[in-house]
Amino acid sequence: MEPIEGRWVCRRCFESNEAAATACERCGLERGADPATADPGVADPQQPQPWAAPTQAPARPVWQKLALRFWWVGLIVVVAAGGWYFSARRDDSGQIANSGNLQMNDLRVGDCFDLKDPGAEVVDEVEAKPCTQAHQFEMFHVSNMPDGEYPSDEQFNAWIEQNCLPAFTAYVGQSFEESLLEVLPVTPTEDAWDDDTSVQCALAGPENEQLTSSLRGSAR
């Protein structure tokens, strides 16, 4: 580099140095040296340094991928209720014909519903609706876990992965991995376990979308 007003500019870090300096004050490159062949010297702390290639993160289990697409945090659980009262009504085919209250564990595959309190961790009652009315969730799978001690989170997660995800593909017509839809898993509380071992999985639209029709066979 040509000297500027008696100073010279380093060809590696472009620092302006005193005319009498024989090496760059910043990076140590000797005056006039070719930076491509010179000793690297002292790295410039103010210059951006290259990032080391990140180590590859371990593959996430399917359940963790599932959880990443929940707009809520954690599993929503259901408690057994003392009675079976509900005001939602079904038609002769078993479809919900009139919206109203319904016990969570009384929902069937194909039922559409809203949570009364989306932030609640324990749910015993929902607002069931015909799927043609605006709603947020649609039940697509219900199954019972084996009797025994109350399952751990890992056992619940494994059951959901092994049962709800294949049911998702069969119900929607597209795999969960390829779909934009989300999943709401519902599990019984420990207090309810002796009377209720069912696990329910419901569909939800992306980004809290309001749905106005069934997602069965939608291939979304």
C-alpha atoms as a PDB file:
ATOM      1  CA  MET A   1       0.000   0.000   0.000  1.00  0.00           C
ATOM      2  CA  GLU A   2       1.212   3.546  -0.711  1.00  0.00           C
ATOM      3  CA  PRO A   3       2.157   5.672   2.312  1.00  0.00           C
ATOM      4  CA  ILE A   4      -0.376   8.305   3.418  1.00  0.00           C
ATOM      5  CA  GLU A   5       1.114  11.541   4.768  1.00  0.00           C
ATOM      6  CA  GLY A   6       4.263   9.764   5.933  1.00  0.00           C
ATOM      7  CA  ARG A   7       2.339   6.730   7.236  1.00  0.00           C
ATOM      8  CA  TRP A   8       1.894   3.318   5.636  1.00  0.00           C
ATOM      9  CA  VAL A   9      -1.129   1.007   5.523  1.00  0.00           C
ATOM     10  CA  CYS A  10      -0.921  -2.653   6.377  1.00  0.00           C
ATOM     11  CA  ARG A  11      -1.795  -4.919   3.461  1.00  0.00           C
ATOM     12  CA  ARG A  12      -3.448  -7.464   5.739  1.00  0.00           C
ATOM     13  CA  CYS A  13      -5.582  -5.530   8.233  1.00  0.00           C
ATOM     14  CA  PHE A  14      -5.446  -2.062   6.593  1.00  0.00           C
ATOM     15  CA  GLU A  15      -4.242  -0.403   9.780  1.00  0.00           C
ATOM     16  CA  SER A  16      -2.491   2.943   9.298  1.00  0.00           C
ATOM     17  CA  ASN A  17       0.999   2.823  10.892  1.00  0.00           C
ATOM     18  CA  GLU A  18       3.721   5.358  11.684  1.00  0.00           C
ATOM     19  CA  ALA A  19       6.241   5.804   8.894  1.00  0.00           C
ATOM     20  CA  ALA A  20       9.045   4.572  11.152  1.00  0.00           C
ATOM     21  CA  ALA A  21       7.220   1.371  12.125  1.00  0.00           C
ATOM     22  CA  THR A  22       8.704  -1.771  10.561  1.00  0.00           C
ATOM     23  CA  ALA A  23       5.689  -3.956  11.357  1.00  0.00           C
ATOM     24  CA  CYS A  24       1.976  -3.365  11.728  1.00  0.00           C
ATOM     25  CA  GLU A  25       1.014  -2.343  15.242  1.00  0.00           C
ATOM     26  CA  ARG A  26      -2.274  -4.206  14.970  1.00  0.00           C
ATOM     27  CA  CYS A  27      -1.519  -7.556  13.338  1.00  0.00           C
ATOM     28  CA  GLY A  28       2.297  -7.706  13.299  1.00  0.00           C
ATOM     29  CA  LEU A  29       2.690  -8.023   9.517  1.00  0.00           C
ATOM     30  CA  GLU A  30       6.077  -6.691   8.430  1.00  0.00           C
ATOM     31  CA  ARG A  31       5.995  -3.588   6.291  1.00  0.00           C
ATOM     32  CA  GLY A  32       5.735  -4.503   2.609  1.00  0.00           C
ATOM     33  CA  ALA A  33       5.200  -8.216   3.331  1.00  0.00           C
ATOM     34  CA  ASP A  34       2.699 -10.218   1.301  1.00  0.00           C
ATOM     35  CA  PRO A  35      -0.131 -11.230   3.710  1.00  0.00           C
ATOM     36  CA  ALA A  36      -0.805 -14.355   1.640  1.00  0.00           C
ATOM     37  CA  THR A  37       2.604 -15.836   2.459  1.00  0.00           C
ATOM     38  CA  ALA A  38       3.494 -14.114   5.737  1.00  0.00           C
ATOM     39  CA  ASP A  39       3.256 -15.613   9.204  1.00  0.00           C
ATOM     40  CA  PRO A  40      -0.278 -14.977  10.525  1.00  0.00           C
ATOM     41  CA  GLY A  41       1.179 -13.181  13.550  1.00  0.00           C
ATOM     42  CA  VAL A  42      -1.231 -11.739  16.092  1.00  0.00           C
ATOM     43  CA  ALA A  43      -4.879 -11.823  15.156  1.00  0.00           C
ATOM     44  CA  ASP A  44      -6.736  -8.541  15.184  1.00  0.00           C
ATOM     45  CA  PRO A  45      -9.242  -8.645  18.033  1.00  0.00           C
ATOM     46  CA  GLN A  46     -11.381  -6.040  16.279  1.00  0.00           C
ATOM     47  CA  GLN A  47     -11.581  -7.960  13.020  1.00  0.00           C
ATOM     48  CA  PRO A  48     -14.365 -10.533  12.685  1.00  0.00           C
ATOM     49  CA  GLN A  49     -13.028 -14.046  13.204  1.00  0.00           C
ATOM     50  CA  PRO A  50     -14.301 -17.051  11.286  1.00  0.00           C
ATOM     51  CA  TRP A  51     -16.700 -19.283  13.223  1.00  0.00           C
ATOM     52  CA  ALA A  52     -15.764 -22.900  13.734  1.00  0.00           C
ATOM     53  CA  ALA A  53     -18.174 -25.309  12.114  1.00  0.00           C
ATOM     54  CA  PRO A  54     -20.806 -26.144  14.709  1.00  0.00           C
ATOM     55  CA  THR A  55     -20.979 -29.692  15.904  1.00  0.00           C
ATOM     56  CA  GLN A  56     -24.012 -31.487  14.585  1.00  0.00           C
ATOM     57  CA  ALA A  57     -26.816 -31.601  17.121  1.00  0.00           C
ATOM     58  CA  PRO A  58     -28.187 -35.028  17.924  1.00  0.00           C
ATOM     59  CA  ALA A  59     -31.304 -35.946  15.978  1.00  0.00           C
ATOM     60  CA  ARG A  60     -34.472 -35.016  17.824  1.00  0.00           C
ATOM     61  CA  PRO A  61     -36.936 -37.779  18.592  1.00  0.00           C
ATOM     62  CA  VAL A  62     -40.226 -37.441  16.765  1.00  0.00           C
ATOM     63  CA  TRP A  63     -41.944 -36.400  19.976  1.00  0.00           C
ATOM     64  CA  GLN A  64     -39.667 -33.366  20.358  1.00  0.00           C
ATOM     65  CA  LYS A  65     -40.352 -32.399  16.745  1.00  0.00           C
ATOM     66  CA  LEU A  66     -44.027 -32.696  17.583  1.00  0.00           C
ATOM     67  CA  ALA A  67     -43.698 -30.515  20.645  1.00  0.00           C
ATOM     68  CA  LEU A  68     -41.929 -27.779  18.692  1.00  0.00           C
ATOM     69  CA  ARG A  69     -45.092 -27.266  16.696  1.00  0.00           C
ATOM     70  CA  PHE A  70     -47.353 -26.728  19.685  1.00  0.00           C
ATOM     71  CA  TRP A  71     -48.424 -23.139  20.220  1.00  0.00           C
ATOM     72  CA  TRP A  72     -48.932 -24.033  23.893  1.00  0.00           C
ATOM     73  CA  VAL A  73     -46.408 -25.409  26.365  1.00  0.00           C
ATOM     74  CA  GLY A  74     -46.548 -28.913  27.764  1.00  0.00           C
ATOM     75  CA  LEU A  75     -49.222 -31.579  27.746  1.00  0.00           C
ATOM     76  CA  ILE A  76     -52.789 -30.674  28.510  1.00  0.00           C
ATOM     77  CA  VAL A  77     -54.292 -33.212  30.851  1.00  0.00           C
ATOM     78  CA  VAL A  78     -57.838 -34.230  31.662  1.00  0.00           C
ATOM     79  CA  VAL A  79     -59.378 -35.215  34.974  1.00  0.00           C
ATOM     80  CA  ALA A  80     -62.239 -37.604  35.439  1.00  0.00           C
ATOM     81  CA  ALA A  81     -65.422 -35.750  36.248  1.00  0.00           C
ATOM     82  CA  GLY A  82     -67.953 -36.845  38.829  1.00  0.00           C
ATOM     83  CA  GLY A  83     -70.860 -36.713  36.387  1.00  0.00           C
ATOM     84  CA  TRP A  84     -71.463 -37.075  32.663  1.00  0.00           C
ATOM     85  CA  TYR A  85     -73.527 -33.926  32.163  1.00  0.00           C
ATOM     86  CA  PHE A  86     -73.117 -32.121  28.887  1.00  0.00           C
ATOM     87  CA  SER A  87     -75.240 -29.746  26.866  1.00  0.00           C
ATOM     88  CA  ALA A  88     -73.832 -30.442  23.413  1.00  0.00           C
ATOM     89  CA  ARG A  89     -76.191 -32.632  21.399  1.00  0.00           C
ATOM     90  CA  ARG A  90     -75.511 -35.308  18.814  1.00  0.00           C
ATOM     91  CA  ASP A  91     -77.666 -36.265  15.863  1.00  0.00           C
ATOM     92  CA  ASP A  92     -78.749 -39.798  15.003  1.00  0.00           C
ATOM     93  CA  SER A  93     -75.401 -40.461  13.266  1.00  0.00           C
ATOM     94  CA  GLY A  94     -73.468 -39.501  16.398  1.00  0.00           C
ATOM     95  CA  GLN A  95     -72.182 -36.191  15.017  1.00  0.00           C
ATOM     96  CA  ILE A  96     -72.377 -33.079  17.185  1.00  0.00           C
ATOM     97  CA  ALA A  97     -75.387 -31.143  15.944  1.00  0.00           C
ATOM     98  CA  ASN A  98     -75.625 -28.387  18.563  1.00  0.00           C
ATOM     99  CA  SER A  99     -72.663 -26.734  20.254  1.00  0.00           C
ATOM    100  CA  GLY A 100     -72.364 -26.841  24.006  1.00  0.00           C
ATOM    101  CA  ASN A 101     -70.389 -28.158  26.966  1.00  0.00           C
ATOM    102  CA  LEU A 102     -68.949 -31.661  26.768  1.00  0.00           C
ATOM    103  CA  GLN A 103     -66.622 -33.611  29.032  1.00  0.00           C
ATOM    104  CA  MET A 104     -63.152 -33.823  27.508  1.00  0.00           C
ATOM    105  CA  ASN A 105     -63.019 -37.600  27.846  1.00  0.00           C
ATOM    106  CA  ASP A 106     -66.435 -37.887  26.163  1.00  0.00           C
ATOM    107  CA  LEU A 107     -65.127 -36.525  22.855  1.00  0.00           C
ATOM    108  CA  ARG A 108     -65.073 -38.949  19.927  1.00  0.00           C
ATOM    109  CA  VAL A 109     -62.965 -39.137  16.785  1.00  0.00           C
ATOM    110  CA  GLY A 110     -64.279 -36.516  14.373  1.00  0.00           C
ATOM    111  CA  ASP A 111     -65.601 -34.163  17.077  1.00  0.00           C
ATOM    112  CA  CYS A 112     -64.635 -30.484  16.791  1.00  0.00           C
ATOM    113  CA  PHE A 113     -64.212 -28.301  19.861  1.00  0.00           C
ATOM    114  CA  ASP A 114     -62.641 -25.299  21.580  1.00  0.00           C
ATOM    115  CA  LEU A 115     -60.851 -25.162  24.921  1.00  0.00           C
ATOM    116  CA  LYS A 116     -62.606 -22.926  27.390  1.00  0.00           C
ATOM    117  CA  ASP A 117     -59.267 -21.767  28.811  1.00  0.00           C
ATOM    118  CA  PRO A 118     -56.368 -22.328  26.339  1.00  0.00           C
ATOM    119  CA  GLY A 119     -53.863 -21.583  29.099  1.00  0.00           C
ATOM    120  CA  ALA A 120     -55.171 -24.188  31.535  1.00  0.00           C
ATOM    121  CA  GLU A 121     -53.026 -27.206  32.350  1.00  0.00           C
ATOM    122  CA  VAL A 122     -55.992 -29.309  33.466  1.00  0.00           C
ATOM    123  CA  VAL A 123     -59.134 -29.582  31.374  1.00  0.00           C
ATOM    124  CA  ASP A 124     -62.322 -31.402  32.248  1.00  0.00           C
ATOM    125  CA  GLU A 125     -64.831 -29.715  29.944  1.00  0.00           C
ATOM    126  CA  VAL A 126     -64.697 -28.196  26.454  1.00  0.00           C
ATOM    127  CA  GLU A 127     -67.097 -26.453  24.111  1.00  0.00           C
ATOM    128  CA  ALA A 128     -67.996 -29.030  21.473  1.00  0.00           C
ATOM    129  CA  LYS A 129     -69.183 -27.735  18.091  1.00  0.00           C
ATOM    130  CA  PRO A 130     -70.304 -28.942  14.683  1.00  0.00           C
ATOM    131  CA  CYS A 131     -67.214 -28.857  12.466  1.00  0.00           C
ATOM    132  CA  THR A 132     -68.933 -26.365  10.157  1.00  0.00           C
ATOM    133  CA  GLN A 133     -68.802 -23.779  12.949  1.00  0.00           C
ATOM    134  CA  ALA A 134     -65.564 -21.902  13.675  1.00  0.00           C
ATOM    135  CA  HIS A 135     -63.450 -24.015  16.007  1.00  0.00           C
ATOM    136  CA  GLN A 136     -59.834 -24.693  16.858  1.00  0.00           C
ATOM    137  CA  PHE A 137     -59.480 -28.440  17.420  1.00  0.00           C
ATOM    138  CA  GLU A 138     -60.676 -31.710  15.903  1.00  0.00           C
ATOM    139  CA  MET A 139     -60.270 -35.071  17.610  1.00  0.00           C
ATOM    140  CA  PHE A 140     -58.574 -37.631  15.354  1.00  0.00           C
ATOM    141  CA  HIS A 141     -57.437 -40.435  17.661  1.00  0.00           C
ATOM    142  CA  VAL A 142     -58.445 -41.997  20.971  1.00  0.00           C
ATOM    143  CA  SER A 143     -56.775 -45.092  22.444  1.00  0.00           C
ATOM    144  CA  ASN A 144     -56.255 -46.697  25.836  1.00  0.00           C
ATOM    145  CA  MET A 145     -52.865 -47.390  27.358  1.00  0.00           C
ATOM    146  CA  PRO A 146     -52.348 -50.676  29.225  1.00  0.00           C
ATOM    147  CA  ASP A 147     -53.389 -50.820  32.870  1.00  0.00           C
ATOM    148  CA  GLY A 148     -50.645 -50.546  35.443  1.00  0.00           C
ATOM    149  CA  GLU A 149     -48.739 -47.839  37.222  1.00  0.00           C
ATOM    150  CA  TYR A 150     -49.178 -44.258  36.072  1.00  0.00           C
ATOM    151  CA  PRO A 151     -46.910 -43.753  33.017  1.00  0.00           C
ATOM    152  CA  SER A 152     -43.879 -41.502  33.003  1.00  0.00           C
ATOM    153  CA  ASP A 153     -43.617 -38.596  30.564  1.00  0.00           C
ATOM    154  CA  GLU A 154     -41.370 -40.775  28.395  1.00  0.00           C
ATOM    155  CA  GLN A 155     -43.995 -43.534  28.287  1.00  0.00           C
ATOM    156  CA  PHE A 156     -46.746 -41.072  27.408  1.00  0.00           C
ATOM    157  CA  ASN A 157     -44.531 -39.580  24.708  1.00  0.00           C
ATOM    158  CA  ALA A 158     -43.717 -42.990  23.251  1.00  0.00           C
ATOM    159  CA  TRP A 159     -47.402 -43.935  23.160  1.00  0.00           C
ATOM    160  CA  ILE A 160     -48.319 -40.690  21.417  1.00  0.00           C
ATOM    161  CA  GLU A 161     -45.535 -41.174  18.873  1.00  0.00           C
ATOM    162  CA  GLN A 162     -46.447 -44.798  18.177  1.00  0.00           C
ATOM    163  CA  ASN A 163     -50.218 -44.325  18.035  1.00  0.00           C
ATOM    164  CA  CYS A 164     -51.162 -40.733  17.276  1.00  0.00           C
ATOM    165  CA  LEU A 165     -48.719 -40.113  14.433  1.00  0.00           C
ATOM    166  CA  PRO A 166     -49.829 -43.106  12.301  1.00  0.00           C
ATOM    167  CA  ALA A 167     -53.450 -42.140  13.050  1.00  0.00           C
ATOM    168  CA  PHE A 168     -52.650 -38.601  11.906  1.00  0.00           C
ATOM    169  CA  THR A 169     -51.567 -39.906   8.494  1.00  0.00           C
ATOM    170  CA  ALA A 170     -54.648 -42.114   8.152  1.00  0.00           C
ATOM    171  CA  TYR A 171     -57.043 -39.336   9.208  1.00  0.00           C
ATOM    172  CA  VAL A 172     -55.548 -36.353   7.377  1.00  0.00           C
ATOM    173  CA  GLY A 173     -54.186 -38.167   4.332  1.00  0.00           C
ATOM    174  CA  GLN A 174     -50.694 -36.775   4.824  1.00  0.00           C
ATOM    175  CA  SER A 175     -47.931 -37.559   7.294  1.00  0.00           C
ATOM    176  CA  PHE A 176     -47.335 -35.301  10.267  1.00  0.00           C
ATOM    177  CA  GLU A 177     -43.809 -34.536   9.058  1.00  0.00           C
ATOM    178  CA  GLU A 178     -45.163 -33.210   5.750  1.00  0.00           C
ATOM    179  CA  SER A 179     -48.191 -31.456   7.198  1.00  0.00           C
ATOM    180  CA  LEU A 180     -48.562 -27.911   8.479  1.00  0.00           C
ATOM    181  CA  LEU A 181     -51.162 -28.992  11.022  1.00  0.00           C
ATOM    182  CA  GLU A 182     -50.424 -29.202  14.737  1.00  0.00           C
ATOM    183  CA  VAL A 183     -51.326 -31.811  17.336  1.00  0.00           C
ATOM    184  CA  LEU A 184     -52.816 -31.466  20.820  1.00  0.00           C
ATOM    185  CA  PRO A 185     -52.215 -34.582  22.974  1.00  0.00           C
ATOM    186  CA  VAL A 186     -54.496 -35.090  25.975  1.00  0.00           C
ATOM    187  CA  THR A 187     -53.583 -37.477  28.797  1.00  0.00           C
ATOM    188  CA  PRO A 188     -55.264 -38.375  32.100  1.00  0.00           C
ATOM    189  CA  THR A 189     -54.002 -37.077  35.407  1.00  0.00           C
ATOM    190  CA  GLU A 190     -52.471 -39.434  37.933  1.00  0.00           C
ATOM    191  CA  ASP A 191     -55.571 -39.125  40.134  1.00  0.00           C
ATOM    192  CA  ALA A 192     -57.793 -40.172  37.221  1.00  0.00           C
ATOM    193  CA  TRP A 193     -55.548 -43.008  36.002  1.00  0.00           C
ATOM    194  CA  ASP A 194     -57.357 -45.858  37.804  1.00  0.00           C
ATOM    195  CA  ASP A 195     -60.598 -44.925  36.019  1.00  0.00           C
ATOM    196  CA  ASP A 196     -59.289 -43.521  32.752  1.00  0.00           C
ATOM    197  CA  THR A 197     -56.236 -44.710  30.775  1.00  0.00           C
ATOM    198  CA  SER A 198     -57.230 -43.059  27.500  1.00  0.00           C
ATOM    199  CA  VAL A 199     -54.945 -40.835  25.434  1.00  0.00           C
ATOM    200  CA  GLN A 200     -56.609 -38.440  22.994  1.00  0.00           C
ATOM    201  CA  CYS A 201     -54.984 -36.580  20.112  1.00  0.00           C
ATOM    202  CA  ALA A 202     -56.591 -33.621  18.381  1.00  0.00           C
ATOM    203  CA  LEU A 203     -55.703 -31.638  15.270  1.00  0.00           C
ATOM    204  CA  ALA A 204     -55.156 -27.894  15.197  1.00  0.00           C
ATOM    205  CA  GLY A 205     -54.544 -25.518  12.310  1.00  0.00           C
ATOM    206  CA  PRO A 206     -51.207 -23.724  11.926  1.00  0.00           C
ATOM    207  CA  GLU A 207     -50.677 -20.487  13.843  1.00  0.00           C
ATOM    208  CA  ASN A 208     -53.872 -20.757  15.859  1.00  0.00           C
ATOM    209  CA  GLU A 209     -55.989 -20.824  12.705  1.00  0.00           C
ATOM    210  CA  GLN A 210     -59.757 -20.921  13.079  1.00  0.00           C
ATOM    211  CA  LEU A 211     -61.163 -23.950  11.240  1.00  0.00           C
ATOM    212  CA  THR A 212     -64.602 -24.062   9.597  1.00  0.00           C
ATOM    213  CA  SER A 213     -64.646 -27.609   8.218  1.00  0.00           C
ATOM    214  CA  SER A 214     -63.371 -31.050   9.097  1.00  0.00           C
ATOM    215  CA  LEU A 215     -59.713 -31.843   8.425  1.00  0.00           C
ATOM    216  CA  ARG A 216     -60.474 -35.498   7.715  1.00  0.00           C
ATOM    217  CA  GLY A 217     -58.970 -36.362   4.323  1.00  0.00           C
ATOM    218  CA  SER A 218     -57.817 -32.748   3.813  1.00  0.00           C
ATOM    219  CA  ALA A 219     -54.186 -33.724   3.007  1.00  0.00           C
ATOM    220  CA  ARG A 220     -53.057 -30.454   4.626  1.00  0.00           C
END
